[in-house]
Amino acid sequence: MLEMAPEVVDKGFLLTSLRHFIDGLELDFARYAAEFDQSKQWDEEGFNNPADWMRFNCHMNSQAAWNALGVGEHEAKLTEHGCPAGGRDRVRPPGDHGSHRRPDGQGLR
């Protein structure tokens, strides 16, 4: 009987790929958090500030909520000074083999 060798997975590559993907999601979250702050929806729903709303509704601690708000508020300055843009060239997580359109809408990546 022929035995197959187990597939070797590069755990380092897996971790760095996932982290890159998560970083892009975090930047997207921060952008939306800044827009949410400006919308004042949190005030209409009776919260003291947007971070309190995020703590309660997104199950975050206050430091993570305020960090997201700060990054979202300053994201334009960050990308202007050479920090990566985040979501524009995101690596898909390992195992994600779905069809994705290129940013210009032409064909698949």
N, C-alpha and C. Protein backbone atom coordinates (compact mmCIF):
# COMPACT_ATOMS: atom_id res chain seq x y z
N MET A 1 0.84 -1.17 0.00
CA MET A 1 0.00 0.00 0.00
C MET A 1 0.89 1.24 0.00
N LEU A 2 0.53 2.24 -0.79
CA LEU A 2 1.28 3.48 -0.92
C LEU A 2 0.83 4.46 0.14
N GLU A 3 1.78 4.99 0.92
CA GLU A 3 1.44 5.98 1.94
C GLU A 3 1.82 7.36 1.44
N MET A 4 0.92 8.29 1.65
CA MET A 4 1.14 9.68 1.26
C MET A 4 1.81 10.40 2.40
N ALA A 5 2.82 11.21 2.08
CA ALA A 5 3.47 12.03 3.10
C ALA A 5 2.55 13.19 3.46
N PRO A 6 2.51 13.56 4.74
CA PRO A 6 1.65 14.68 5.12
C PRO A 6 2.12 15.98 4.46
N GLU A 7 1.17 16.81 4.11
CA GLU A 7 1.48 18.09 3.48
C GLU A 7 2.15 19.00 4.51
N VAL A 8 3.28 19.59 4.12
CA VAL A 8 3.99 20.50 5.00
C VAL A 8 3.44 21.91 4.78
N VAL A 9 3.04 22.55 5.87
CA VAL A 9 2.49 23.89 5.80
C VAL A 9 3.50 24.85 6.43
N ASP A 10 3.84 25.88 5.70
CA ASP A 10 4.75 26.91 6.21
C ASP A 10 3.96 27.80 7.16
N LYS A 11 4.07 27.52 8.44
CA LYS A 11 3.31 28.26 9.46
C LYS A 11 3.69 29.74 9.49
N GLY A 12 4.94 30.05 9.23
CA GLY A 12 5.37 31.45 9.20
C GLY A 12 4.67 32.22 8.09
N PHE A 13 4.61 31.61 6.90
CA PHE A 13 3.90 32.25 5.80
C PHE A 13 2.43 32.41 6.12
N LEU A 14 1.85 31.39 6.71
CA LEU A 14 0.44 31.43 7.09
C LEU A 14 0.19 32.60 8.06
N LEU A 15 1.03 32.73 9.07
CA LEU A 15 0.86 33.80 10.06
C LEU A 15 1.04 35.18 9.45
N THR A 16 2.07 35.36 8.64
CA THR A 16 2.29 36.68 8.05
C THR A 16 1.19 37.03 7.05
N SER A 17 0.69 36.06 6.31
CA SER A 17 -0.40 36.30 5.37
C SER A 17 -1.67 36.70 6.11
N LEU A 18 -1.99 35.97 7.16
CA LEU A 18 -3.17 36.32 7.95
C LEU A 18 -3.04 37.70 8.57
N ARG A 19 -1.86 38.02 9.11
CA ARG A 19 -1.66 39.32 9.74
C ARG A 19 -1.84 40.45 8.74
N HIS A 20 -1.31 40.27 7.53
CA HIS A 20 -1.46 41.27 6.48
C HIS A 20 -2.93 41.49 6.15
N PHE A 21 -3.68 40.40 6.05
CA PHE A 21 -5.10 40.48 5.76
C PHE A 21 -5.84 41.17 6.90
N ILE A 22 -5.54 40.80 8.13
CA ILE A 22 -6.19 41.40 9.31
C ILE A 22 -5.87 42.89 9.39
N ASP A 23 -4.63 43.27 9.09
CA ASP A 23 -4.26 44.69 9.11
C ASP A 23 -5.13 45.50 8.15
N GLY A 24 -5.37 44.95 6.99
CA GLY A 24 -6.24 45.63 6.03
C GLY A 24 -7.66 45.77 6.54
N LEU A 25 -8.16 44.72 7.17
CA LEU A 25 -9.50 44.78 7.77
C LEU A 25 -9.55 45.81 8.89
N GLU A 26 -8.50 45.87 9.69
CA GLU A 26 -8.44 46.84 10.78
C GLU A 26 -8.48 48.27 10.23
N LEU A 27 -7.78 48.50 9.13
CA LEU A 27 -7.79 49.82 8.52
C LEU A 27 -9.18 50.15 7.97
N ASP A 28 -9.82 49.19 7.34
CA ASP A 28 -11.20 49.40 6.88
C ASP A 28 -12.10 49.74 8.06
N PHE A 29 -11.97 48.99 9.15
CA PHE A 29 -12.78 49.23 10.35
C PHE A 29 -12.54 50.65 10.86
N ALA A 30 -11.29 51.07 10.89
CA ALA A 30 -10.96 52.41 11.38
C ALA A 30 -11.58 53.49 10.50
N ARG A 31 -11.56 53.29 9.19
CA ARG A 31 -12.19 54.26 8.28
C ARG A 31 -13.68 54.38 8.58
N TYR A 32 -14.34 53.25 8.72
CA TYR A 32 -15.78 53.27 9.01
C TYR A 32 -16.05 53.83 10.41
N ALA A 33 -15.17 53.57 11.35
CA ALA A 33 -15.34 54.12 12.70
C ALA A 33 -15.30 55.65 12.66
N ALA A 34 -14.39 56.21 11.88
CA ALA A 34 -14.29 57.67 11.76
C ALA A 34 -15.56 58.23 11.11
N GLU A 35 -16.06 57.55 10.10
CA GLU A 35 -17.32 57.99 9.47
C GLU A 35 -18.48 57.88 10.45
N PHE A 36 -18.48 56.81 11.24
CA PHE A 36 -19.52 56.61 12.24
C PHE A 36 -19.48 57.74 13.28
N ASP A 37 -18.29 58.13 13.69
CA ASP A 37 -18.12 59.23 14.63
C ASP A 37 -18.77 60.50 14.08
N GLN A 38 -18.49 60.81 12.82
CA GLN A 38 -19.02 62.02 12.20
C GLN A 38 -20.54 61.97 12.02
N SER A 39 -21.09 60.77 11.88
CA SER A 39 -22.53 60.63 11.64
C SER A 39 -23.37 60.96 12.88
N LYS A 40 -22.77 60.88 14.05
CA LYS A 40 -23.45 61.13 15.33
C LYS A 40 -24.56 60.11 15.63
N GLN A 41 -24.55 58.98 14.94
CA GLN A 41 -25.52 57.92 15.23
C GLN A 41 -25.40 57.47 16.69
N TRP A 42 -24.18 57.41 17.18
CA TRP A 42 -23.93 57.01 18.56
C TRP A 42 -24.67 57.94 19.53
N ASP A 43 -24.72 59.24 19.24
CA ASP A 43 -25.41 60.20 20.09
C ASP A 43 -26.92 60.00 20.02
N GLU A 44 -27.42 59.77 18.81
CA GLU A 44 -28.85 59.53 18.61
C GLU A 44 -29.32 58.29 19.36
N GLU A 45 -28.40 57.33 19.55
CA GLU A 45 -28.75 56.09 20.25
C GLU A 45 -28.47 56.18 21.75
N GLY A 46 -28.09 57.37 22.23
CA GLY A 46 -27.97 57.59 23.66
C GLY A 46 -26.62 57.27 24.28
N PHE A 47 -25.58 57.17 23.46
CA PHE A 47 -24.25 56.88 24.01
C PHE A 47 -23.48 58.17 24.21
N ASN A 48 -22.53 58.16 25.14
CA ASN A 48 -21.74 59.36 25.46
C ASN A 48 -20.75 59.74 24.37
N ASN A 49 -20.26 58.75 23.66
CA ASN A 49 -19.26 58.99 22.62
C ASN A 49 -19.22 57.76 21.71
N PRO A 50 -18.57 57.87 20.57
CA PRO A 50 -18.54 56.73 19.63
C PRO A 50 -17.82 55.51 20.20
N ALA A 51 -16.82 55.74 21.03
CA ALA A 51 -16.08 54.60 21.60
C ALA A 51 -16.98 53.79 22.53
N ASP A 52 -17.84 54.46 23.30
CA ASP A 52 -18.77 53.72 24.16
C ASP A 52 -19.72 52.87 23.32
N TRP A 53 -20.21 53.43 22.22
CA TRP A 53 -21.08 52.67 21.33
C TRP A 53 -20.34 51.45 20.80
N MET A 54 -19.09 51.63 20.36
CA MET A 54 -18.29 50.54 19.81
C MET A 54 -17.99 49.49 20.87
N ARG A 55 -17.70 49.94 22.09
CA ARG A 55 -17.45 48.98 23.18
C ARG A 55 -18.65 48.07 23.39
N PHE A 56 -19.82 48.68 23.42
CA PHE A 56 -21.04 47.91 23.70
C PHE A 56 -21.45 47.06 22.50
N ASN A 57 -21.46 47.64 21.30
CA ASN A 57 -22.00 46.96 20.12
C ASN A 57 -20.99 46.11 19.37
N CYS A 58 -19.72 46.45 19.44
CA CYS A 58 -18.70 45.69 18.72
C CYS A 58 -17.88 44.81 19.67
N HIS A 59 -18.23 44.83 20.96
CA HIS A 59 -17.56 44.00 21.97
C HIS A 59 -16.06 44.26 21.98
N MET A 60 -15.71 45.53 22.10
CA MET A 60 -14.31 45.96 22.12
C MET A 60 -13.99 46.57 23.47
N ASN A 61 -12.71 46.60 23.83
CA ASN A 61 -12.34 47.37 25.01
C ASN A 61 -12.17 48.82 24.58
N SER A 62 -12.13 49.73 25.54
CA SER A 62 -12.11 51.15 25.20
C SER A 62 -10.83 51.55 24.46
N GLN A 63 -9.71 50.94 24.81
CA GLN A 63 -8.46 51.29 24.12
C GLN A 63 -8.53 50.93 22.64
N ALA A 64 -9.04 49.75 22.33
CA ALA A 64 -9.16 49.33 20.92
C ALA A 64 -10.12 50.24 20.17
N ALA A 65 -11.22 50.62 20.81
CA ALA A 65 -12.20 51.50 20.17
C ALA A 65 -11.59 52.88 19.88
N TRP A 66 -10.91 53.46 20.88
CA TRP A 66 -10.30 54.78 20.67
C TRP A 66 -9.16 54.71 19.66
N ASN A 67 -8.41 53.61 19.65
CA ASN A 67 -7.36 53.44 18.64
C ASN A 67 -7.95 53.44 17.24
N ALA A 68 -9.04 52.69 17.04
CA ALA A 68 -9.68 52.64 15.72
C ALA A 68 -10.16 54.03 15.31
N LEU A 69 -10.76 54.75 16.23
CA LEU A 69 -11.24 56.10 15.92
C LEU A 69 -10.07 57.02 15.55
N GLY A 70 -8.98 56.92 16.29
CA GLY A 70 -7.80 57.75 16.01
C GLY A 70 -7.17 57.44 14.68
N VAL A 71 -7.03 56.16 14.37
CA VAL A 71 -6.45 55.76 13.09
C VAL A 71 -7.35 56.21 11.95
N GLY A 72 -8.65 56.02 12.10
CA GLY A 72 -9.58 56.43 11.06
C GLY A 72 -9.54 57.93 10.82
N GLU A 73 -9.42 58.69 11.90
CA GLU A 73 -9.36 60.14 11.80
C GLU A 73 -8.10 60.61 11.08
N HIS A 74 -6.99 59.90 11.29
CA HIS A 74 -5.71 60.33 10.74
C HIS A 74 -5.24 59.47 9.56
N GLU A 75 -6.10 58.62 9.04
CA GLU A 75 -5.71 57.68 7.99
C GLU A 75 -5.16 58.40 6.76
N ALA A 76 -5.76 59.49 6.36
CA ALA A 76 -5.27 60.21 5.18
C ALA A 76 -3.84 60.70 5.39
N LYS A 77 -3.55 61.20 6.58
CA LYS A 77 -2.19 61.66 6.88
C LYS A 77 -1.22 60.49 6.91
N LEU A 78 -1.66 59.34 7.42
CA LEU A 78 -0.78 58.18 7.49
C LEU A 78 -0.39 57.70 6.10
N THR A 79 -1.36 57.59 5.20
CA THR A 79 -1.04 57.12 3.85
C THR A 79 -0.23 58.16 3.10
N GLU A 80 -0.47 59.43 3.39
CA GLU A 80 0.29 60.52 2.76
C GLU A 80 1.77 60.46 3.13
N HIS A 81 2.06 59.96 4.32
CA HIS A 81 3.44 59.90 4.81
C HIS A 81 4.08 58.53 4.61
N GLY A 82 3.55 57.75 3.69
CA GLY A 82 4.22 56.52 3.30
C GLY A 82 3.76 55.25 3.99
N CYS A 83 2.79 55.32 4.88
CA CYS A 83 2.26 54.10 5.47
C CYS A 83 1.40 53.40 4.43
N PRO A 84 1.35 52.06 4.45
CA PRO A 84 0.60 51.34 3.43
C PRO A 84 -0.89 51.71 3.47
N ALA A 85 -1.50 51.65 2.30
CA ALA A 85 -2.91 52.02 2.19
C ALA A 85 -3.84 50.96 2.73
N GLY A 86 -3.34 49.79 3.03
CA GLY A 86 -4.18 48.77 3.66
C GLY A 86 -4.99 47.97 2.67
N GLY A 87 -6.25 48.28 2.54
CA GLY A 87 -7.19 47.46 1.81
C GLY A 87 -7.01 47.41 0.31
N ARG A 88 -6.17 48.21 -0.27
CA ARG A 88 -6.09 48.26 -1.73
C ARG A 88 -5.35 47.08 -2.35
N ASP A 89 -4.37 46.54 -1.66
CA ASP A 89 -3.60 45.43 -2.25
C ASP A 89 -3.53 44.26 -1.28
N ARG A 90 -4.62 44.03 -0.62
CA ARG A 90 -4.67 43.03 0.44
C ARG A 90 -4.43 41.61 -0.08
N VAL A 91 -3.65 40.86 0.64
CA VAL A 91 -3.44 39.45 0.34
C VAL A 91 -4.62 38.68 0.91
N ARG A 92 -5.16 37.78 0.11
CA ARG A 92 -6.27 36.98 0.63
C ARG A 92 -5.75 35.96 1.62
N PRO A 93 -6.55 35.61 2.61
CA PRO A 93 -6.10 34.63 3.59
C PRO A 93 -5.90 33.28 2.93
N PRO A 94 -4.99 32.47 3.47
CA PRO A 94 -4.78 31.14 2.92
C PRO A 94 -6.09 30.37 2.88
N GLY A 95 -6.33 29.67 1.80
CA GLY A 95 -7.56 28.90 1.66
C GLY A 95 -8.67 29.67 0.97
N ASP A 96 -8.54 30.99 0.81
CA ASP A 96 -9.56 31.78 0.13
C ASP A 96 -9.27 31.74 -1.36
N HIS A 97 -10.00 30.91 -2.07
CA HIS A 97 -9.76 30.75 -3.50
C HIS A 97 -10.94 31.25 -4.32
N GLY A 98 -11.77 32.11 -3.70
CA GLY A 98 -12.93 32.64 -4.40
C GLY A 98 -12.52 33.57 -5.52
N SER A 99 -13.44 33.85 -6.42
CA SER A 99 -13.13 34.76 -7.52
C SER A 99 -13.29 36.19 -7.02
N HIS A 100 -12.29 36.99 -7.25
CA HIS A 100 -12.29 38.38 -6.82
C HIS A 100 -11.94 39.26 -8.02
N ARG A 101 -12.67 40.33 -8.17
CA ARG A 101 -12.41 41.27 -9.25
C ARG A 101 -11.21 42.14 -8.91
N ARG A 102 -10.47 42.53 -9.93
CA ARG A 102 -9.39 43.47 -9.73
C ARG A 102 -10.00 44.82 -9.37
N PRO A 103 -9.22 45.72 -8.72
CA PRO A 103 -9.74 47.02 -8.33
C PRO A 103 -10.32 47.84 -9.48
N ASP A 104 -9.78 47.63 -10.71
CA ASP A 104 -10.30 48.38 -11.86
C ASP A 104 -11.56 47.74 -12.45
N GLY A 105 -12.02 46.63 -11.84
CA GLY A 105 -13.24 45.98 -12.30
C GLY A 105 -13.06 45.06 -13.49
N GLN A 106 -11.86 44.97 -14.02
CA GLN A 106 -11.59 44.18 -15.22
C GLN A 106 -11.06 42.80 -14.82
N GLY A 107 -11.82 41.78 -15.08
CA GLY A 107 -11.34 40.42 -14.87
C GLY A 107 -11.12 40.05 -13.43
N LEU A 108 -10.45 38.93 -13.26
CA LEU A 108 -10.17 38.42 -11.92
C LEU A 108 -8.74 38.66 -11.54
N ARG A 109 -8.50 38.72 -10.24
CA ARG A 109 -7.11 38.87 -9.75
C ARG A 109 -6.37 37.59 -9.98
